[in-house]
Amino acid sequence: MTHTTAIYATLNDWIAHKAIPFSLASRPNFNAAIDKMISSLEDSVKLLGFGEALHGGEELLVLRNQLFQRLVEAYGYSAIAIESSFPRGFTINDYVLGRSTASYEEVQEIGLSHGFGKLDANRELIEWMKHYNADPTHQRKLQFYGFDSPTEMTGTDSPRQTLHVALNYLSSVDEALAQEYRNRIDRLLGEDANWENPAAVFDASQSIGQSAEAKALRIETEDLIAELRMRRPELVEKSDQMSYMEALQFAVEARQVLHYHAESAKTSANRQARMLGIRDTMMAENLEYIVSREQNRGNVLVFAHNSHVKRGKTLWQWGDETLIWSPAGAHLHEMFGRSYVIIGSAIGESPTNGIGQPEAGALEALLTSTPGPGRFIPTAQGQGLPAEEIAALPIRSGSKKNGSYVEPLNAQSFTNFDWLAVLDTTTYNRGGPSLEDWSTHTEQ
């Protein structure tokens, strides 16, 4: 079928014709807007990305929750992956599947990184999934994943946990061989505190990533991955495909964590950008695994900061240095092509997050001048839109309080995202720490 692209004389003309208004306060209204948006997507979509314009937007999390619920109930989505540690996510997944007798309070810290377990909207999402799965009429059970690397802006995990998951699996099928690997690997791991030293993030001399033990551990990890891959048919026969895939992914994750530590021990001029690039690469690889794990069950919604799920490049101001790297979304675009679709988000104002009204002419100002309080709008990858007007768009000012609001909409937003979800305003997250407590070390 041949599709023609409409031509719009101005951005206001495009907005007037294409914006789909919605209200989070009216579920029928919101669901109708979602249905209209989803109906425009191709059947090949496997991974739907939804980005948040900042960490700290309550209504953005509510939008995510309602979006996921509609995707599950009407479109057969089977999983959600959020910007939280990949290894930790399995604890939450056991909780939503009813495999754990622990309370939410007992799993929120160990199952979610970055302090995200304290956010009320995250708890509401997870409790909804648990309730959904407990219904015997729902034969397809929902899965929860973290897809972030086990790293923080103020520290990085030891590779011990990820390596031990792979070793524990190998023990279940070949105890003697697993013990050989374990003896060599544990000797090289040393103390977790040495790997997790927060000073190493900012000072290469504090990192042990280039020590003789760390280099030897990288070789042992490569050997472990090669062992698992070489013996795939035998190992799957003795266990099952899902357990094998999980063990292999944890071993690959350990290799990337070691790569991250090795990079942190270097003093190159682009050290920070490369470390952030490794993190986003891990994100993309984790999502590739998650999609493969869900391929016979349903599609996956992935939720993270706009700067992680978008195409193109991410730019972040680090002191006097501008850091540039390829985000996870750029990798996913290459991995999945048209099977990966991205909804970016934007807001008009958020006084509690230190974001005032957008300046006249900024894209946020144009979008929020239309009926709302929210609206979806397709970017059409910029096709049919006035290129000169897009190029001349002023960029609205940032936040005076929230350091995670780093990329207001700009000309690249038309190609970085397939759709935009724009809210008039958002309050600050319920349950989140005060902005004063974390703004000095906010991460994306």
Protein backbone atom coordinates (compact mmCIF):
# COMPACT_ATOMS: atom_id res chain seq x y z
CA MET A 1 0.00 0.00 0.00
CA THR A 2 1.27 3.46 -0.90
CA HIS A 3 1.10 6.08 1.84
CA THR A 4 1.14 9.76 1.02
CA THR A 5 2.66 12.26 3.40
CA ALA A 6 0.55 15.29 4.25
CA ILE A 7 2.28 18.63 3.88
CA TYR A 8 1.82 21.19 6.66
CA ALA A 9 2.57 24.86 6.11
CA THR A 10 3.31 25.54 9.77
CA LEU A 11 3.91 23.60 12.97
CA ASN A 12 0.65 24.94 14.35
CA ASP A 13 -1.10 23.46 11.32
CA TRP A 14 0.53 20.08 12.02
CA ILE A 15 -0.44 20.22 15.69
CA ALA A 16 -4.04 21.18 14.93
CA HIS A 17 -4.47 18.27 12.53
CA LYS A 18 -2.54 15.55 14.38
CA ALA A 19 -2.69 16.11 18.15
CA ILE A 20 -4.78 13.56 20.08
CA PRO A 21 -5.92 15.14 23.37
CA PHE A 22 -6.35 13.05 26.50
CA SER A 23 -6.88 13.30 30.23
CA LEU A 24 -5.34 10.98 32.79
CA ALA A 25 -8.37 11.64 34.99
CA SER A 26 -10.70 9.93 32.50
CA ARG A 27 -9.74 6.33 31.76
CA PRO A 28 -12.17 5.97 28.79
CA ASN A 29 -10.79 9.17 27.27
CA PHE A 30 -7.19 8.10 27.85
CA ASN A 31 -7.78 4.58 26.48
CA ALA A 32 -9.39 6.01 23.34
CA ALA A 33 -6.30 8.17 22.76
CA ILE A 34 -4.02 5.15 23.26
CA ASP A 35 -6.12 3.11 20.84
CA LYS A 36 -5.83 5.78 18.19
CA MET A 37 -2.08 5.96 18.60
CA ILE A 38 -1.53 2.17 18.66
CA SER A 39 -3.71 1.71 15.56
CA SER A 40 -1.18 3.77 13.61
CA LEU A 41 1.71 1.42 14.44
CA GLU A 42 2.79 -1.46 12.26
CA ASP A 43 2.20 -5.04 13.34
CA SER A 44 5.96 -5.62 13.41
CA VAL A 45 6.40 -3.62 16.64
CA LYS A 46 7.96 -5.77 19.38
CA LEU A 47 9.36 -3.11 21.67
CA LEU A 48 7.58 0.14 22.53
CA GLY A 49 9.71 2.75 24.24
CA PHE A 50 8.23 5.43 26.47
CA GLY A 51 10.59 8.11 27.71
CA GLU A 52 10.19 10.45 30.66
CA ALA A 53 11.34 14.03 30.18
CA LEU A 54 12.81 14.04 33.69
CA HIS A 55 13.07 11.90 36.80
CA GLY A 56 10.60 13.42 39.22
CA GLY A 57 7.43 13.78 37.14
CA GLU A 58 4.50 12.17 38.98
CA GLU A 59 2.03 12.39 36.10
CA LEU A 60 4.58 10.85 33.72
CA LEU A 61 4.66 7.75 35.94
CA VAL A 62 0.87 7.68 36.12
CA LEU A 63 0.76 7.94 32.32
CA ARG A 64 3.19 5.01 32.09
CA ASN A 65 1.07 2.91 34.45
CA GLN A 66 -2.15 3.58 32.57
CA LEU A 67 -0.43 3.04 29.22
CA PHE A 68 0.92 -0.34 30.31
CA GLN A 69 -2.44 -1.43 31.68
CA ARG A 70 -4.13 -0.58 28.37
CA LEU A 71 -1.40 -2.35 26.38
CA VAL A 72 -1.88 -5.46 28.51
CA GLU A 73 -5.66 -5.50 28.46
CA ALA A 74 -6.23 -4.57 24.82
CA TYR A 75 -3.04 -5.43 22.92
CA GLY A 76 -1.54 -8.49 24.60
CA TYR A 77 1.62 -6.89 25.98
CA SER A 78 3.29 -9.28 28.38
CA ALA A 79 6.09 -7.34 30.07
CA ILE A 80 7.43 -3.99 31.17
CA ALA A 81 11.11 -3.11 31.55
CA ILE A 82 12.09 0.00 33.50
CA GLU A 83 15.28 1.95 34.11
CA SER A 84 16.39 -0.10 37.10
CA SER A 85 19.18 -2.64 37.64
CA PHE A 86 18.84 -5.73 35.45
CA PRO A 87 20.09 -8.19 38.10
CA ARG A 88 17.83 -6.74 40.78
CA GLY A 89 14.73 -6.93 38.61
CA PHE A 90 14.36 -10.67 39.02
CA THR A 91 13.49 -10.13 42.69
CA ILE A 92 10.53 -7.94 41.70
CA ASN A 93 9.53 -10.40 38.99
CA ASP A 94 9.32 -13.19 41.57
CA TYR A 95 7.13 -10.87 43.64
CA VAL A 96 4.66 -10.09 40.84
CA LEU A 97 4.49 -13.76 39.90
CA GLY A 98 3.63 -14.76 43.47
CA ARG A 99 6.82 -16.81 43.89
CA SER A 100 7.91 -14.74 46.87
CA THR A 101 6.27 -14.55 50.29
CA ALA A 102 8.03 -11.26 51.04
CA SER A 103 6.14 -7.99 51.35
CA TYR A 104 6.71 -5.08 48.98
CA GLU A 105 8.57 -3.25 51.75
CA GLU A 106 10.99 -6.18 51.92
CA VAL A 107 11.73 -6.27 48.19
CA GLN A 108 11.57 -2.61 47.17
CA GLU A 109 15.18 -1.81 48.02
CA ILE A 110 16.80 -5.03 46.80
CA GLY A 111 14.58 -5.30 43.72
CA LEU A 112 14.78 -1.72 42.40
CA SER A 113 17.87 0.47 42.04
CA HIS A 114 18.28 4.27 42.11
CA GLY A 115 15.81 4.46 45.03
CA PHE A 116 12.92 3.88 42.61
CA GLY A 117 11.26 1.38 44.96
CA LYS A 118 10.20 4.28 47.21
CA LEU A 119 8.09 5.95 44.51
CA ASP A 120 4.38 5.37 45.07
CA ALA A 121 3.63 5.08 41.35
CA ASN A 122 6.21 2.28 40.99
CA ARG A 123 4.62 0.44 43.88
CA GLU A 124 1.20 0.87 42.28
CA LEU A 125 2.48 -0.53 38.99
CA ILE A 126 4.03 -3.57 40.66
CA GLU A 127 1.02 -4.25 42.89
CA TRP A 128 -1.28 -4.02 39.86
CA MET A 129 0.87 -6.59 38.04
CA LYS A 130 0.81 -8.88 41.08
CA HIS A 131 -2.98 -8.60 41.33
CA TYR A 132 -3.36 -9.23 37.59
CA ASN A 133 -1.19 -12.34 37.76
CA ALA A 134 -3.10 -13.69 40.76
CA ASP A 135 -6.29 -13.85 38.67
CA PRO A 136 -6.55 -17.46 37.40
CA THR A 137 -8.42 -16.29 34.29
CA HIS A 138 -5.25 -14.52 33.12
CA GLN A 139 -3.28 -17.41 31.69
CA ARG A 140 -0.49 -15.20 30.34
CA LYS A 141 1.34 -13.88 33.39
CA LEU A 142 2.97 -10.47 33.27
CA GLN A 143 6.73 -10.17 33.65
CA PHE A 144 8.68 -7.33 35.26
CA TYR A 145 12.26 -6.50 34.27
CA GLY A 146 14.91 -3.98 35.12
CA PHE A 147 17.10 -3.31 32.09
CA ASP A 148 19.64 -0.82 33.42
CA SER A 149 23.24 -1.77 34.03
CA PRO A 150 24.20 -2.43 37.67
CA THR A 151 25.90 0.95 37.86
CA GLU A 152 25.18 4.31 39.49
CA MET A 153 26.59 7.78 39.01
CA THR A 154 28.12 7.41 42.47
CA GLY A 155 29.29 3.81 42.30
CA THR A 156 29.26 0.52 40.44
CA ASP A 157 28.38 -2.98 41.56
CA SER A 158 30.92 -5.71 42.02
CA PRO A 159 30.69 -8.32 39.23
CA ARG A 160 30.22 -11.01 41.90
CA GLN A 161 26.42 -11.29 41.75
CA THR A 162 26.17 -11.55 37.98
CA LEU A 163 29.00 -14.08 37.78
CA HIS A 164 27.52 -16.19 40.56
CA VAL A 165 24.16 -16.45 38.80
CA ALA A 166 25.93 -17.98 35.80
CA LEU A 167 28.07 -20.21 38.03
CA ASN A 168 25.07 -21.41 40.03
CA TYR A 169 23.38 -22.43 36.80
CA LEU A 170 26.47 -24.30 35.64
CA SER A 171 26.59 -26.05 39.03
CA SER A 172 23.09 -27.40 38.44
CA VAL A 173 24.27 -29.28 35.34
CA ASP A 174 28.00 -29.81 35.89
CA GLU A 175 29.05 -29.34 39.51
CA ALA A 176 32.71 -30.29 39.03
CA LEU A 177 33.32 -27.90 36.14
CA ALA A 178 31.42 -25.10 37.87
CA GLN A 179 33.57 -25.53 40.98
CA GLU A 180 36.73 -25.18 38.90
CA TYR A 181 35.50 -21.88 37.50
CA ARG A 182 34.26 -20.75 40.88
CA ASN A 183 37.63 -21.38 42.55
CA ARG A 184 39.46 -19.29 39.98
CA ILE A 185 36.86 -16.52 39.78
CA ASP A 186 36.31 -16.07 43.53
CA ARG A 187 40.05 -15.81 44.10
CA LEU A 188 40.18 -12.94 41.60
CA LEU A 189 37.06 -11.13 42.81
CA GLY A 190 38.50 -10.11 46.16
CA GLU A 191 36.45 -7.72 48.28
CA ASP A 192 33.27 -6.22 46.85
CA ALA A 193 34.07 -2.89 48.50
CA ASN A 194 37.08 -2.48 46.22
CA TRP A 195 34.86 -2.73 43.13
CA GLU A 196 32.13 -0.54 44.61
CA ASN A 197 34.35 2.33 45.76
CA PRO A 198 32.31 5.47 44.85
CA ALA A 199 35.46 7.54 44.44
CA ALA A 200 36.39 5.47 41.38
CA VAL A 201 33.61 7.04 39.32
CA PHE A 202 35.34 10.42 39.46
CA ASP A 203 38.97 9.40 39.99
CA ALA A 204 40.53 6.78 37.73
CA SER A 205 43.33 6.13 40.20
CA GLN A 206 40.74 4.81 42.68
CA SER A 207 39.48 2.11 40.29
CA ILE A 208 40.78 -1.47 40.35
CA GLY A 209 39.50 -2.11 36.82
CA GLN A 210 42.99 -2.34 35.30
CA SER A 211 44.58 -4.38 38.10
CA ALA A 212 46.21 -7.74 37.30
CA GLU A 213 43.34 -9.51 39.08
CA ALA A 214 40.69 -7.58 37.15
CA LYS A 215 42.36 -8.37 33.82
CA ALA A 216 42.59 -12.04 34.74
CA LEU A 217 38.95 -12.00 35.80
CA ARG A 218 37.93 -10.63 32.41
CA ILE A 219 39.69 -13.56 30.75
CA GLU A 220 37.99 -16.05 33.07
CA THR A 221 34.63 -14.44 32.31
CA GLU A 222 35.27 -14.70 28.56
CA ASP A 223 36.13 -18.37 29.05
CA LEU A 224 32.93 -18.91 31.02
CA ILE A 225 30.84 -17.31 28.26
CA ALA A 226 32.60 -19.43 25.64
CA GLU A 227 31.96 -22.56 27.73
CA LEU A 228 28.25 -21.80 28.02
CA ARG A 229 27.93 -21.09 24.31
CA MET A 230 29.94 -24.08 23.17
CA ARG A 231 27.88 -26.48 25.29
CA ARG A 232 24.49 -24.90 24.55
CA PRO A 233 22.75 -28.07 23.19
CA GLU A 234 23.94 -30.19 26.12
CA LEU A 235 23.14 -27.57 28.77
CA VAL A 236 19.67 -26.85 27.41
CA GLU A 237 18.91 -30.58 27.31
CA LYS A 238 19.97 -30.95 30.96
CA SER A 239 18.03 -27.86 32.10
CA ASP A 240 15.74 -25.77 29.88
CA GLN A 241 16.06 -23.01 27.31
CA MET A 242 14.91 -20.21 29.62
CA SER A 243 17.36 -21.07 32.41
CA TYR A 244 20.20 -21.36 29.92
CA MET A 245 19.42 -18.00 28.29
CA GLU A 246 19.25 -16.31 31.69
CA ALA A 247 22.61 -17.71 32.82
CA LEU A 248 24.29 -16.69 29.58
CA GLN A 249 22.88 -13.17 29.82
CA PHE A 250 24.18 -12.79 33.36
CA ALA A 251 27.63 -13.90 32.22
CA VAL A 252 27.54 -11.38 29.37
CA GLU A 253 26.38 -8.71 31.84
CA ALA A 254 29.37 -9.54 34.06
CA ARG A 255 31.70 -9.09 31.09
CA GLN A 256 30.24 -5.64 30.42
CA VAL A 257 30.49 -4.69 34.10
CA LEU A 258 34.16 -5.62 34.00
CA HIS A 259 34.54 -3.59 30.82
CA TYR A 260 32.96 -0.63 32.64
CA HIS A 261 35.40 -1.03 35.54
CA ALA A 262 38.32 -1.25 33.12
CA GLU A 263 37.22 1.98 31.43
CA SER A 264 36.83 3.70 34.81
CA ALA A 265 40.51 3.00 35.52
CA LYS A 266 41.66 4.89 32.41
CA THR A 267 42.54 8.57 32.30
CA SER A 268 41.45 9.30 28.71
CA ALA A 269 39.88 12.66 27.88
CA ASN A 270 36.53 11.04 27.02
CA ARG A 271 36.51 8.67 30.01
CA GLN A 272 33.10 9.71 31.36
CA ALA A 273 31.42 9.61 27.95
CA ARG A 274 32.77 6.13 27.29
CA MET A 275 31.55 4.90 30.68
CA LEU A 276 28.08 6.28 29.95
CA GLY A 277 28.22 4.70 26.50
CA ILE A 278 29.01 1.32 28.03
CA ARG A 279 26.04 1.70 30.36
CA ASP A 280 23.66 2.39 27.46
CA THR A 281 25.12 -0.50 25.48
CA MET A 282 24.36 -2.79 28.42
CA MET A 283 20.82 -1.40 28.50
CA ALA A 284 20.30 -2.26 24.84
CA GLU A 285 21.76 -5.75 25.20
CA ASN A 286 19.54 -6.41 28.21
CA LEU A 287 16.49 -5.31 26.23
CA GLU A 288 17.46 -7.53 23.31
CA TYR A 289 17.51 -10.45 25.75
CA ILE A 290 14.18 -9.40 27.30
CA VAL A 291 12.48 -9.22 23.90
CA SER A 292 13.83 -12.66 22.98
CA ARG A 293 12.56 -14.02 26.28
CA GLU A 294 9.09 -12.59 25.60
CA GLN A 295 8.96 -13.35 21.87
CA ASN A 296 6.33 -16.09 22.14
CA ARG A 297 4.35 -14.33 24.85
CA GLY A 298 3.80 -10.70 23.87
CA ASN A 299 5.34 -7.30 23.28
CA VAL A 300 7.39 -5.29 25.76
CA LEU A 301 6.98 -1.72 27.02
CA VAL A 302 10.28 -0.13 28.02
CA PHE A 303 10.33 2.94 30.26
CA ALA A 304 13.31 5.19 30.97
CA HIS A 305 14.54 8.75 30.67
CA ASN A 306 14.09 10.27 27.20
CA SER A 307 17.86 10.40 26.87
CA HIS A 308 18.11 6.60 27.07
CA VAL A 309 15.26 5.47 24.81
CA LYS A 310 15.70 7.98 21.97
CA ARG A 311 17.57 7.62 18.70
CA GLY A 312 20.43 9.93 17.77
CA LYS A 313 23.05 11.09 20.27
CA THR A 314 22.78 12.04 23.92
CA LEU A 315 24.51 15.23 25.08
CA TRP A 316 25.06 15.88 28.75
CA GLN A 317 26.89 18.75 30.39
CA TRP A 318 29.37 17.39 32.96
CA GLY A 319 30.88 20.44 34.61
CA ASP A 320 32.74 22.26 31.84
CA GLU A 321 32.71 19.18 29.59
CA THR A 322 30.01 18.23 27.08
CA LEU A 323 29.63 14.44 27.03
CA ILE A 324 28.30 12.83 23.86
CA TRP A 325 27.44 9.15 23.40
CA SER A 326 25.00 6.79 21.68
CA PRO A 327 22.02 6.01 23.92
CA ALA A 328 20.33 2.63 24.23
CA GLY A 329 17.61 3.74 21.81
CA ALA A 330 20.15 4.31 19.04
CA HIS A 331 21.41 0.75 19.49
CA LEU A 332 17.87 -0.62 19.61
CA HIS A 333 17.04 1.20 16.38
CA GLU A 334 19.87 -0.69 14.69
CA MET A 335 18.91 -4.00 16.35
CA PHE A 336 15.16 -3.89 15.75
CA GLY A 337 14.58 -1.34 13.01
CA ARG A 338 10.87 -0.59 12.63
CA SER A 339 10.07 -3.11 15.36
CA TYR A 340 11.21 -0.49 17.88
CA VAL A 341 8.92 2.53 18.28
CA ILE A 342 9.61 5.42 20.67
CA ILE A 343 7.26 7.78 22.49
CA GLY A 344 9.14 10.71 23.96
CA SER A 345 7.56 12.96 26.58
CA ALA A 346 7.54 16.66 27.36
CA ILE A 347 5.88 18.99 29.85
CA GLY A 348 4.75 22.58 29.78
CA GLU A 349 5.65 23.53 33.33
CA SER A 350 6.41 21.95 36.70
CA PRO A 351 6.87 24.44 39.54
CA THR A 352 7.83 21.70 42.02
CA ASN A 353 10.61 20.60 39.65
CA GLY A 354 11.76 24.19 39.03
CA ILE A 355 10.44 24.32 35.45
CA GLY A 356 8.57 27.48 34.48
CA GLN A 357 6.36 28.26 31.52
CA PRO A 358 8.08 27.58 28.17
CA GLU A 359 9.22 30.58 26.22
CA ALA A 360 7.05 31.78 23.36
CA GLY A 361 7.68 29.83 20.17
CA ALA A 362 9.29 26.85 21.90
CA LEU A 363 7.81 23.53 20.82
CA GLU A 364 6.47 22.88 24.34
CA ALA A 365 4.63 26.23 24.17
CA LEU A 366 3.10 25.38 20.80
CA LEU A 367 1.97 21.94 21.92
CA THR A 368 0.52 22.94 25.28
CA SER A 369 -1.51 25.73 23.66
CA THR A 370 -3.77 23.05 22.16
CA PRO A 371 -6.54 21.13 24.01
CA GLY A 372 -5.24 18.90 26.80
CA PRO A 373 -4.29 18.53 29.59
CA GLY A 374 -2.29 15.92 27.66
CA ARG A 375 -1.89 15.12 23.99
CA PHE A 376 -0.18 12.53 21.80
CA ILE A 377 1.23 13.67 18.49
CA PRO A 378 3.17 11.74 15.81
CA THR A 379 6.45 13.27 14.70
CA ALA A 380 6.28 11.54 11.31
CA GLN A 381 10.09 11.64 11.46
CA GLY A 382 9.79 15.25 10.35
CA GLN A 383 8.31 14.32 6.96
CA GLY A 384 5.83 16.83 5.63
CA LEU A 385 6.72 19.36 8.32
CA PRO A 386 8.20 22.81 7.66
CA ALA A 387 11.94 22.21 7.92
CA GLU A 388 12.89 25.89 8.24
CA GLU A 389 10.47 26.43 11.11
CA ILE A 390 11.75 23.32 12.87
CA ALA A 391 15.36 24.44 12.49
CA ALA A 392 14.51 27.87 13.93
CA LEU A 393 12.68 26.59 17.01
CA PRO A 394 13.87 28.29 20.22
CA ILE A 395 14.81 25.91 23.05
CA ARG A 396 12.90 26.47 26.26
CA SER A 397 14.83 27.05 29.46
CA GLY A 398 15.64 24.16 31.78
CA SER A 399 15.08 23.48 35.45
CA LYS A 400 16.30 25.46 38.43
CA LYS A 401 15.91 22.48 40.77
CA ASN A 402 15.93 19.15 38.93
CA GLY A 403 19.19 18.20 37.26
CA SER A 404 17.60 15.33 35.32
CA TYR A 405 15.66 17.76 33.10
CA VAL A 406 18.47 18.04 30.59
CA GLU A 407 16.94 17.87 27.11
CA PRO A 408 13.90 20.03 26.32
CA LEU A 409 12.34 19.41 22.91
CA ASN A 410 14.39 20.57 19.93
CA ALA A 411 14.70 20.00 16.19
CA GLN A 412 16.18 16.52 16.75
CA SER A 413 13.06 15.47 18.68
CA PHE A 414 11.29 14.98 15.33
CA THR A 415 13.71 12.20 14.38
CA ASN A 416 14.65 10.97 17.86
CA PHE A 417 11.04 9.98 18.61
CA ASP A 418 8.10 8.55 16.65
CA TRP A 419 5.47 10.10 18.93
CA LEU A 420 5.42 12.74 21.65
CA ALA A 421 3.32 12.65 24.81
CA VAL A 422 3.01 16.21 26.11
CA LEU A 423 1.50 17.16 29.47
CA ASP A 424 0.55 20.66 30.54
CA THR A 425 2.17 20.12 33.92
CA THR A 426 3.45 17.54 36.36
CA THR A 427 3.95 17.49 40.09
CA TYR A 428 6.89 15.88 41.88
CA ASN A 429 6.95 12.13 42.49
CA ARG A 430 5.02 10.88 45.51
CA GLY A 431 7.46 9.07 47.79
CA GLY A 432 10.55 10.51 46.16
CA PRO A 433 13.40 12.11 48.14
CA SER A 434 13.48 15.87 48.31
CA LEU A 435 15.13 17.46 45.32
CA GLU A 436 17.65 19.09 47.62
CA ASP A 437 18.82 15.64 48.75
CA TRP A 438 19.63 14.26 45.33
CA SER A 439 19.89 17.08 42.79
CA THR A 440 23.64 17.39 43.25
CA HIS A 441 24.21 13.84 41.97
CA THR A 442 21.20 13.26 39.74
CA GLU A 443 21.73 10.70 37.01
CA GLN A 444 19.78 10.21 33.82
